[in-house]
Amino acid sequence: MKTYVLSFELNNDYDQSMMFEELATLGELQQVMSSTWFLKSERTAKEIRDQLAEHLAPDERVMVMKSTGPAAWRNVMCDNKWIVENLSK
């Protein structure tokens, strides 16, 4: 499985519950910060983007990047052990 970094700019005027429900179906998910998530999935970045885009308002944004190379972090919301095992290798 690949690990992706997902970043969102969401408009609070819209109900994002369907988008977050869809996000949970894509693979193993960890919230890093309020608008940033890690996702382990067999899908491609484009497939993930396209599936989530169906649930975004026209002015909302999403970016999906495959995680590569070293990582560093401080005081994130998810478990450090998960990051070490899945992202920083």
PDB file of N, CA and C in Angstrom:
ATOM      1  N   MET A   1       0.832  -1.193   0.000  1.00  0.00           N
ATOM      2  CA  MET A   1       0.000   0.000   0.000  1.00  0.00           C
ATOM      3  C   MET A   1       0.870   1.248   0.000  1.00  0.00           C
ATOM      4  N   LYS A   2       0.346   2.279  -0.619  1.00  0.00           N
ATOM      5  CA  LYS A   2       1.034   3.564  -0.642  1.00  0.00           C
ATOM      6  C   LYS A   2       0.452   4.464   0.444  1.00  0.00           C
ATOM      7  N   THR A   3       1.287   5.355   0.951  1.00  0.00           N
ATOM      8  CA  THR A   3       0.818   6.339   1.918  1.00  0.00           C
ATOM      9  C   THR A   3       0.758   7.691   1.235  1.00  0.00           C
ATOM     10  N   TYR A   4      -0.377   8.353   1.385  1.00  0.00           N
ATOM     11  CA  TYR A   4      -0.614   9.663   0.783  1.00  0.00           C
ATOM     12  C   TYR A   4      -0.811  10.716   1.865  1.00  0.00           C
ATOM     13  N   VAL A   5      -0.476  11.953   1.507  1.00  0.00           N
ATOM     14  CA  VAL A   5      -0.786  13.117   2.333  1.00  0.00           C
ATOM     15  C   VAL A   5      -1.905  13.854   1.617  1.00  0.00           C
ATOM     16  N   LEU A   6      -3.005  14.084   2.319  1.00  0.00           N
ATOM     17  CA  LEU A   6      -4.156  14.794   1.757  1.00  0.00           C
ATOM     18  C   LEU A   6      -4.313  16.110   2.503  1.00  0.00           C
ATOM     19  N   SER A   7      -4.511  17.168   1.746  1.00  0.00           N
ATOM     20  CA  SER A   7      -4.721  18.480   2.341  1.00  0.00           C
ATOM     21  C   SER A   7      -5.983  19.090   1.741  1.00  0.00           C
ATOM     22  N   PHE A   8      -6.780  19.719   2.595  1.00  0.00           N
ATOM     23  CA  PHE A   8      -8.064  20.269   2.177  1.00  0.00           C
ATOM     24  C   PHE A   8      -8.174  21.748   2.517  1.00  0.00           C
ATOM     25  N   GLU A   9      -8.909  22.483   1.691  1.00  0.00           N
ATOM     26  CA  GLU A   9      -9.432  23.806   2.018  1.00  0.00           C
ATOM     27  C   GLU A   9     -10.932  23.681   1.846  1.00  0.00           C
ATOM     28  N   LEU A  10     -11.640  23.652   2.965  1.00  0.00           N
ATOM     29  CA  LEU A  10     -13.083  23.428   2.933  1.00  0.00           C
ATOM     30  C   LEU A  10     -13.827  24.678   3.348  1.00  0.00           C
ATOM     31  N   ASN A  11     -14.976  24.875   2.749  1.00  0.00           N
ATOM     32  CA  ASN A  11     -15.836  26.011   3.040  1.00  0.00           C
ATOM     33  C   ASN A  11     -16.825  25.590   4.121  1.00  0.00           C
ATOM     34  N   ASN A  12     -16.834  26.264   5.224  1.00  0.00           N
ATOM     35  CA  ASN A  12     -17.705  25.886   6.340  1.00  0.00           C
ATOM     36  C   ASN A  12     -19.187  26.082   6.043  1.00  0.00           C
ATOM     37  N   ASP A  13     -19.527  26.698   4.913  1.00  0.00           N
ATOM     38  CA  ASP A  13     -20.928  26.888   4.549  1.00  0.00           C
ATOM     39  C   ASP A  13     -21.565  25.606   4.027  1.00  0.00           C
ATOM     40  N   TYR A  14     -20.739  24.591   3.719  1.00  0.00           N
ATOM     41  CA  TYR A  14     -21.246  23.349   3.152  1.00  0.00           C
ATOM     42  C   TYR A  14     -21.094  22.212   4.160  1.00  0.00           C
ATOM     43  N   ASP A  15     -21.934  21.207   4.026  1.00  0.00           N
ATOM     44  CA  ASP A  15     -21.867  20.022   4.875  1.00  0.00           C
ATOM     45  C   ASP A  15     -20.851  19.054   4.278  1.00  0.00           C
ATOM     46  N   GLN A  16     -19.735  18.839   4.977  1.00  0.00           N
ATOM     47  CA  GLN A  16     -18.683  17.960   4.470  1.00  0.00           C
ATOM     48  C   GLN A  16     -18.811  16.526   4.970  1.00  0.00           C
ATOM     49  N   SER A  17     -19.875  16.190   5.667  1.00  0.00           N
ATOM     50  CA  SER A  17     -19.977  14.851   6.264  1.00  0.00           C
ATOM     51  C   SER A  17     -19.878  13.750   5.219  1.00  0.00           C
ATOM     52  N   MET A  18     -20.486  13.935   4.053  1.00  0.00           N
ATOM     53  CA  MET A  18     -20.411  12.907   3.008  1.00  0.00           C
ATOM     54  C   MET A  18     -18.985  12.744   2.500  1.00  0.00           C
ATOM     55  N   MET A  19     -18.250  13.856   2.392  1.00  0.00           N
ATOM     56  CA  MET A  19     -16.870  13.770   1.929  1.00  0.00           C
ATOM     57  C   MET A  19     -16.015  12.991   2.926  1.00  0.00           C
ATOM     58  N   PHE A  20     -16.198  13.241   4.218  1.00  0.00           N
ATOM     59  CA  PHE A  20     -15.403  12.532   5.220  1.00  0.00           C
ATOM     60  C   PHE A  20     -15.827  11.070   5.341  1.00  0.00           C
ATOM     61  N   GLU A  21     -17.092  10.766   5.088  1.00  0.00           N
ATOM     62  CA  GLU A  21     -17.519   9.369   5.039  1.00  0.00           C
ATOM     63  C   GLU A  21     -16.862   8.658   3.862  1.00  0.00           C
ATOM     64  N   GLU A  22     -16.795   9.326   2.716  1.00  0.00           N
ATOM     65  CA  GLU A  22     -16.137   8.766   1.535  1.00  0.00           C
ATOM     66  C   GLU A  22     -14.649   8.577   1.781  1.00  0.00           C
ATOM     67  N   LEU A  23     -14.028   9.535   2.414  1.00  0.00           N
ATOM     68  CA  LEU A  23     -12.605   9.461   2.737  1.00  0.00           C
ATOM     69  C   LEU A  23     -12.304   8.202   3.548  1.00  0.00           C
ATOM     70  N   ALA A  24     -13.152   7.880   4.480  1.00  0.00           N
ATOM     71  CA  ALA A  24     -12.943   6.715   5.339  1.00  0.00           C
ATOM     72  C   ALA A  24     -13.029   5.397   4.570  1.00  0.00           C
ATOM     73  N   THR A  25     -13.655   5.390   3.395  1.00  0.00           N
ATOM     74  CA  THR A  25     -13.765   4.156   2.611  1.00  0.00           C
ATOM     75  C   THR A  25     -12.533   3.887   1.762  1.00  0.00           C
ATOM     76  N   LEU A  26     -11.623   4.839   1.674  1.00  0.00           N
ATOM     77  CA  LEU A  26     -10.493   4.733   0.753  1.00  0.00           C
ATOM     78  C   LEU A  26      -9.310   3.953   1.303  1.00  0.00           C
ATOM     79  N   GLY A  27      -9.264   3.719   2.605  1.00  0.00           N
ATOM     80  CA  GLY A  27      -8.143   2.991   3.190  1.00  0.00           C
ATOM     81  C   GLY A  27      -7.944   3.385   4.639  1.00  0.00           C
ATOM     82  N   GLU A  28      -6.766   3.069   5.153  1.00  0.00           N
ATOM     83  CA  GLU A  28      -6.437   3.399   6.547  1.00  0.00           C
ATOM     84  C   GLU A  28      -6.150   4.885   6.655  1.00  0.00           C
ATOM     85  N   LEU A  29      -6.805   5.539   7.592  1.00  0.00           N
ATOM     86  CA  LEU A  29      -6.815   6.996   7.645  1.00  0.00           C
ATOM     87  C   LEU A  29      -6.338   7.491   9.006  1.00  0.00           C
ATOM     88  N   GLN A  30      -5.511   8.536   8.996  1.00  0.00           N
ATOM     89  CA  GLN A  30      -5.046   9.190  10.217  1.00  0.00           C
ATOM     90  C   GLN A  30      -5.121  10.694  10.012  1.00  0.00           C
ATOM     91  N   GLN A  31      -5.780  11.394  10.924  1.00  0.00           N
ATOM     92  CA  GLN A  31      -5.819  12.853  10.847  1.00  0.00           C
ATOM     93  C   GLN A  31      -4.560  13.403  11.491  1.00  0.00           C
ATOM     94  N   VAL A  32      -3.861  14.280  10.756  1.00  0.00           N
ATOM     95  CA  VAL A  32      -2.596  14.847  11.216  1.00  0.00           C
ATOM     96  C   VAL A  32      -2.801  16.221  11.824  1.00  0.00           C
ATOM     97  N   MET A  33      -3.529  17.061  11.112  1.00  0.00           N
ATOM     98  CA  MET A  33      -3.885  18.405  11.561  1.00  0.00           C
ATOM     99  C   MET A  33      -5.319  18.653  11.119  1.00  0.00           C
ATOM    100  N   SER A  34      -5.866  19.801  11.417  1.00  0.00           N
ATOM    101  CA  SER A  34      -7.286  20.030  11.150  1.00  0.00           C
ATOM    102  C   SER A  34      -7.663  19.813   9.687  1.00  0.00           C
ATOM    103  N   SER A  35      -6.791  20.106   8.752  1.00  0.00           N
ATOM    104  CA  SER A  35      -7.133  19.932   7.338  1.00  0.00           C
ATOM    105  C   SER A  35      -6.142  19.045   6.590  1.00  0.00           C
ATOM    106  N   THR A  36      -5.380  18.229   7.325  1.00  0.00           N
ATOM    107  CA  THR A  36      -4.385  17.349   6.709  1.00  0.00           C
ATOM    108  C   THR A  36      -4.551  15.936   7.251  1.00  0.00           C
ATOM    109  N   TRP A  37      -4.498  14.972   6.332  1.00  0.00           N
ATOM    110  CA  TRP A  37      -4.696  13.565   6.678  1.00  0.00           C
ATOM    111  C   TRP A  37      -3.619  12.718   6.017  1.00  0.00           C
ATOM    112  N   PHE A  38      -3.308  11.582   6.625  1.00  0.00           N
ATOM    113  CA  PHE A  38      -2.521  10.526   5.991  1.00  0.00           C
ATOM    114  C   PHE A  38      -3.498   9.437   5.593  1.00  0.00           C
ATOM    115  N   LEU A  39      -3.276   8.847   4.427  1.00  0.00           N
ATOM    116  CA  LEU A  39      -4.129   7.775   3.935  1.00  0.00           C
ATOM    117  C   LEU A  39      -3.267   6.677   3.342  1.00  0.00           C
ATOM    118  N   LYS A  40      -3.442   5.446   3.820  1.00  0.00           N
ATOM    119  CA  LYS A  40      -2.808   4.278   3.205  1.00  0.00           C
ATOM    120  C   LYS A  40      -3.839   3.653   2.289  1.00  0.00           C
ATOM    121  N   SER A  41      -3.495   3.524   1.012  1.00  0.00           N
ATOM    122  CA  SER A  41      -4.466   3.037   0.038  1.00  0.00           C
ATOM    123  C   SER A  41      -3.758   2.378  -1.135  1.00  0.00           C
ATOM    124  N   GLU A  42      -4.463   1.481  -1.794  1.00  0.00           N
ATOM    125  CA  GLU A  42      -3.970   0.860  -3.026  1.00  0.00           C
ATOM    126  C   GLU A  42      -4.284   1.724  -4.249  1.00  0.00           C
ATOM    127  N   ARG A  43      -5.125   2.713  -4.080  1.00  0.00           N
ATOM    128  CA  ARG A  43      -5.547   3.557  -5.196  1.00  0.00           C
ATOM    129  C   ARG A  43      -4.467   4.561  -5.575  1.00  0.00           C
ATOM    130  N   THR A  44      -4.608   5.143  -6.764  1.00  0.00           N
ATOM    131  CA  THR A  44      -3.677   6.187  -7.199  1.00  0.00           C
ATOM    132  C   THR A  44      -4.124   7.536  -6.634  1.00  0.00           C
ATOM    133  N   ALA A  45      -3.227   8.499  -6.663  1.00  0.00           N
ATOM    134  CA  ALA A  45      -3.555   9.850  -6.199  1.00  0.00           C
ATOM    135  C   ALA A  45      -4.719  10.422  -7.012  1.00  0.00           C
ATOM    136  N   LYS A  46      -4.709  10.206  -8.315  1.00  0.00           N
ATOM    137  CA  LYS A  46      -5.785  10.713  -9.174  1.00  0.00           C
ATOM    138  C   LYS A  46      -7.120  10.064  -8.822  1.00  0.00           C
ATOM    139  N   GLU A  47      -7.127   8.766  -8.584  1.00  0.00           N
ATOM    140  CA  GLU A  47      -8.371   8.080  -8.209  1.00  0.00           C
ATOM    141  C   GLU A  47      -8.922   8.620  -6.893  1.00  0.00           C
ATOM    142  N   ILE A  48      -8.039   8.853  -5.935  1.00  0.00           N
ATOM    143  CA  ILE A  48      -8.459   9.396  -4.638  1.00  0.00           C
ATOM    144  C   ILE A  48      -9.030  10.793  -4.820  1.00  0.00           C
ATOM    145  N   ARG A  49      -8.303  11.638  -5.548  1.00  0.00           N
ATOM    146  CA  ARG A  49      -8.774  13.001  -5.805  1.00  0.00           C
ATOM    147  C   ARG A  49     -10.141  13.007  -6.469  1.00  0.00           C
ATOM    148  N   ASP A  50     -10.291  12.197  -7.508  1.00  0.00           N
ATOM    149  CA  ASP A  50     -11.545  12.181  -8.252  1.00  0.00           C
ATOM    150  C   ASP A  50     -12.716  11.709  -7.389  1.00  0.00           C
ATOM    151  N   GLN A  51     -12.475  10.699  -6.558  1.00  0.00           N
ATOM    152  CA  GLN A  51     -13.542  10.192  -5.700  1.00  0.00           C
ATOM    153  C   GLN A  51     -13.957  11.225  -4.658  1.00  0.00           C
ATOM    154  N   LEU A  52     -12.983  11.923  -4.068  1.00  0.00           N
ATOM    155  CA  LEU A  52     -13.302  12.944  -3.067  1.00  0.00           C
ATOM    156  C   LEU A  52     -13.920  14.185  -3.703  1.00  0.00           C
ATOM    157  N   ALA A  53     -13.489  14.525  -4.911  1.00  0.00           N
ATOM    158  CA  ALA A  53     -13.981  15.730  -5.583  1.00  0.00           C
ATOM    159  C   ALA A  53     -15.489  15.692  -5.794  1.00  0.00           C
ATOM    160  N   GLU A  54     -16.056  14.512  -5.897  1.00  0.00           N
ATOM    161  CA  GLU A  54     -17.502  14.384  -6.068  1.00  0.00           C
ATOM    162  C   GLU A  54     -18.271  14.936  -4.869  1.00  0.00           C
ATOM    163  N   HIS A  55     -17.594  15.054  -3.730  1.00  0.00           N
ATOM    164  CA  HIS A  55     -18.252  15.484  -2.494  1.00  0.00           C
ATOM    165  C   HIS A  55     -17.813  16.881  -2.040  1.00  0.00           C
ATOM    166  N   LEU A  56     -17.084  17.590  -2.883  1.00  0.00           N
ATOM    167  CA  LEU A  56     -16.607  18.926  -2.538  1.00  0.00           C
ATOM    168  C   LEU A  56     -17.446  19.991  -3.233  1.00  0.00           C
ATOM    169  N   ALA A  57     -17.640  21.103  -2.558  1.00  0.00           N
ATOM    170  CA  ALA A  57     -18.301  22.255  -3.169  1.00  0.00           C
ATOM    171  C   ALA A  57     -17.371  22.840  -4.240  1.00  0.00           C
ATOM    172  N   PRO A  58     -17.910  23.589  -5.194  1.00  0.00           N
ATOM    173  CA  PRO A  58     -17.094  24.125  -6.289  1.00  0.00           C
ATOM    174  C   PRO A  58     -15.881  24.944  -5.840  1.00  0.00           C
ATOM    175  N   ASP A  59     -15.977  25.640  -4.714  1.00  0.00           N
ATOM    176  CA  ASP A  59     -14.864  26.481  -4.276  1.00  0.00           C
ATOM    177  C   ASP A  59     -13.951  25.786  -3.262  1.00  0.00           C
ATOM    178  N   GLU A  60     -14.154  24.493  -3.015  1.00  0.00           N
ATOM    179  CA  GLU A  60     -13.309  23.762  -2.074  1.00  0.00           C
ATOM    180  C   GLU A  60     -12.160  23.084  -2.814  1.00  0.00           C
ATOM    181  N   ARG A  61     -11.056  22.844  -2.075  1.00  0.00           N
ATOM    182  CA  ARG A  61      -9.843  22.306  -2.693  1.00  0.00           C
ATOM    183  C   ARG A  61      -9.375  21.052  -1.975  1.00  0.00           C
ATOM    184  N   VAL A  62      -8.738  20.173  -2.733  1.00  0.00           N
ATOM    185  CA  VAL A  62      -8.083  19.000  -2.161  1.00  0.00           C
ATOM    186  C   VAL A  62      -6.782  18.768  -2.932  1.00  0.00           C
ATOM    187  N   MET A  63      -5.754  18.342  -2.210  1.00  0.00           N
ATOM    188  CA  MET A  63      -4.487  17.953  -2.826  1.00  0.00           C
ATOM    189  C   MET A  63      -4.122  16.581  -2.273  1.00  0.00           C
ATOM    190  N   VAL A  64      -3.721  15.678  -3.158  1.00  0.00           N
ATOM    191  CA  VAL A  64      -3.334  14.321  -2.773  1.00  0.00           C
ATOM    192  C   VAL A  64      -1.915  14.100  -3.263  1.00  0.00           C
ATOM    193  N   MET A  65      -0.992  13.794  -2.336  1.00  0.00           N
ATOM    194  CA  MET A  65       0.412  13.557  -2.690  1.00  0.00           C
ATOM    195  C   MET A  65       0.862  12.220  -2.128  1.00  0.00           C
ATOM    196  N   LYS A  66       1.573  11.452  -2.944  1.00  0.00           N
ATOM    197  CA  LYS A  66       2.185  10.232  -2.441  1.00  0.00           C
ATOM    198  C   LYS A  66       3.355  10.635  -1.552  1.00  0.00           C
ATOM    199  N   SER A  67       3.439  10.009  -0.389  1.00  0.00           N
ATOM    200  CA  SER A  67       4.516  10.312   0.539  1.00  0.00           C
ATOM    201  C   SER A  67       5.798   9.613   0.079  1.00  0.00           C
ATOM    202  N   THR A  68       6.856  10.393  -0.045  1.00  0.00           N
ATOM    203  CA  THR A  68       8.159   9.831  -0.392  1.00  0.00           C
ATOM    204  C   THR A  68       9.227  10.541   0.418  1.00  0.00           C
ATOM    205  N   GLY A  69      10.270   9.843   0.742  1.00  0.00           N
ATOM    206  CA  GLY A  69      11.403  10.454   1.416  1.00  0.00           C
ATOM    207  C   GLY A  69      11.178  10.680   2.900  1.00  0.00           C
ATOM    208  N   PRO A  70      12.159  11.304   3.526  1.00  0.00           N
ATOM    209  CA  PRO A  70      12.114  11.543   4.966  1.00  0.00           C
ATOM    210  C   PRO A  70      10.980  12.488   5.359  1.00  0.00           C
ATOM    211  N   ALA A  71      10.604  12.400   6.616  1.00  0.00           N
ATOM    212  CA  ALA A  71       9.558  13.275   7.150  1.00  0.00           C
ATOM    213  C   ALA A  71       9.969  13.758   8.538  1.00  0.00           C
ATOM    214  N   ALA A  72       9.451  14.894   8.921  1.00  0.00           N
ATOM    215  CA  ALA A  72       9.666  15.420  10.270  1.00  0.00           C
ATOM    216  C   ALA A  72       8.361  16.076  10.701  1.00  0.00           C
ATOM    217  N   TRP A  73       8.069  16.049  11.980  1.00  0.00           N
ATOM    218  CA  TRP A  73       6.809  16.581  12.473  1.00  0.00           C
ATOM    219  C   TRP A  73       6.924  16.954  13.935  1.00  0.00           C
ATOM    220  N   ARG A  74       5.966  17.711  14.400  1.00  0.00           N
ATOM    221  CA  ARG A  74       5.908  18.113  15.806  1.00  0.00           C
ATOM    222  C   ARG A  74       4.447  18.308  16.203  1.00  0.00           C
ATOM    223  N   ASN A  75       4.062  17.679  17.267  1.00  0.00           N
ATOM    224  CA  ASN A  75       2.768  17.915  17.896  1.00  0.00           C
ATOM    225  C   ASN A  75       1.585  17.697  16.944  1.00  0.00           C
ATOM    226  N   VAL A  76       1.615  16.580  16.216  1.00  0.00           N
ATOM    227  CA  VAL A  76       0.509  16.265  15.317  1.00  0.00           C
ATOM    228  C   VAL A  76      -0.598  15.530  16.067  1.00  0.00           C
ATOM    229  N   MET A  77      -1.769  15.437  15.457  1.00  0.00           N
ATOM    230  CA  MET A  77      -2.934  14.844  16.107  1.00  0.00           C
ATOM    231  C   MET A  77      -2.883  13.314  16.141  1.00  0.00           C
ATOM    232  N   CYS A  78      -2.224  12.690  15.171  1.00  0.00           N
ATOM    233  CA  CYS A  78      -2.225  11.231  15.125  1.00  0.00           C
ATOM    234  C   CYS A  78      -1.042  10.656  15.909  1.00  0.00           C
ATOM    235  N   ASP A  79      -1.050   9.360  16.040  1.00  0.00           N
ATOM    236  CA  ASP A  79      -0.052   8.645  16.826  1.00  0.00           C
ATOM    237  C   ASP A  79       1.325   8.678  16.147  1.00  0.00           C
ATOM    238  N   ASN A  80       2.364   9.056  16.890  1.00  0.00           N
ATOM    239  CA  ASN A  80       3.720   9.098  16.341  1.00  0.00           C
ATOM    240  C   ASN A  80       4.171   7.742  15.820  1.00  0.00           C
ATOM    241  N   LYS A  81       3.792   6.677  16.509  1.00  0.00           N
ATOM    242  CA  LYS A  81       4.195   5.332  16.088  1.00  0.00           C
ATOM    243  C   LYS A  81       3.659   5.038  14.687  1.00  0.00           C
ATOM    244  N   TRP A  82       2.407   5.432  14.418  1.00  0.00           N
ATOM    245  CA  TRP A  82       1.836   5.210  13.089  1.00  0.00           C
ATOM    246  C   TRP A  82       2.661   5.943  12.037  1.00  0.00           C
ATOM    247  N   ILE A  83       3.056   7.168  12.319  1.00  0.00           N
ATOM    248  CA  ILE A  83       3.845   7.938  11.355  1.00  0.00           C
ATOM    249  C   ILE A  83       5.182   7.246  11.102  1.00  0.00           C
ATOM    250  N   VAL A  84       5.868   6.853  12.140  1.00  0.00           N
ATOM    251  CA  VAL A  84       7.156   6.195  11.992  1.00  0.00           C
ATOM    252  C   VAL A  84       7.022   4.930  11.146  1.00  0.00           C
ATOM    253  N   GLU A  85       5.985   4.144  11.411  1.00  0.00           N
ATOM    254  CA  GLU A  85       5.815   2.872  10.702  1.00  0.00           C
ATOM    255  C   GLU A  85       5.334   3.041   9.265  1.00  0.00           C
ATOM    256  N   ASN A  86       4.665   4.131   8.942  1.00  0.00           N
ATOM    257  CA  ASN A  86       4.030   4.242   7.642  1.00  0.00           C
ATOM    258  C   ASN A  86       4.486   5.392   6.771  1.00  0.00           C
ATOM    259  N   LEU A  87       5.139   6.383   7.339  1.00  0.00           N
ATOM    260  CA  LEU A  87       5.443   7.579   6.551  1.00  0.00           C
ATOM    261  C   LEU A  87       6.927   7.861   6.441  1.00  0.00           C
ATOM    262  N   SER A  88       7.656   7.672   7.499  1.00  0.00           N
ATOM    263  CA  SER A  88       9.033   8.176   7.508  1.00  0.00           C
ATOM    264  C   SER A  88      10.059   7.173   7.005  1.00  0.00           C
ATOM    265  N   LYS A  89       9.644   6.087   6.435  1.00  0.00           N
ATOM    266  CA  LYS A  89      10.602   5.104   5.910  1.00  0.00           C
ATOM    267  C   LYS A  89      11.044   5.461   4.522  1.00  0.00           C
TER     268      LYS A  89
END
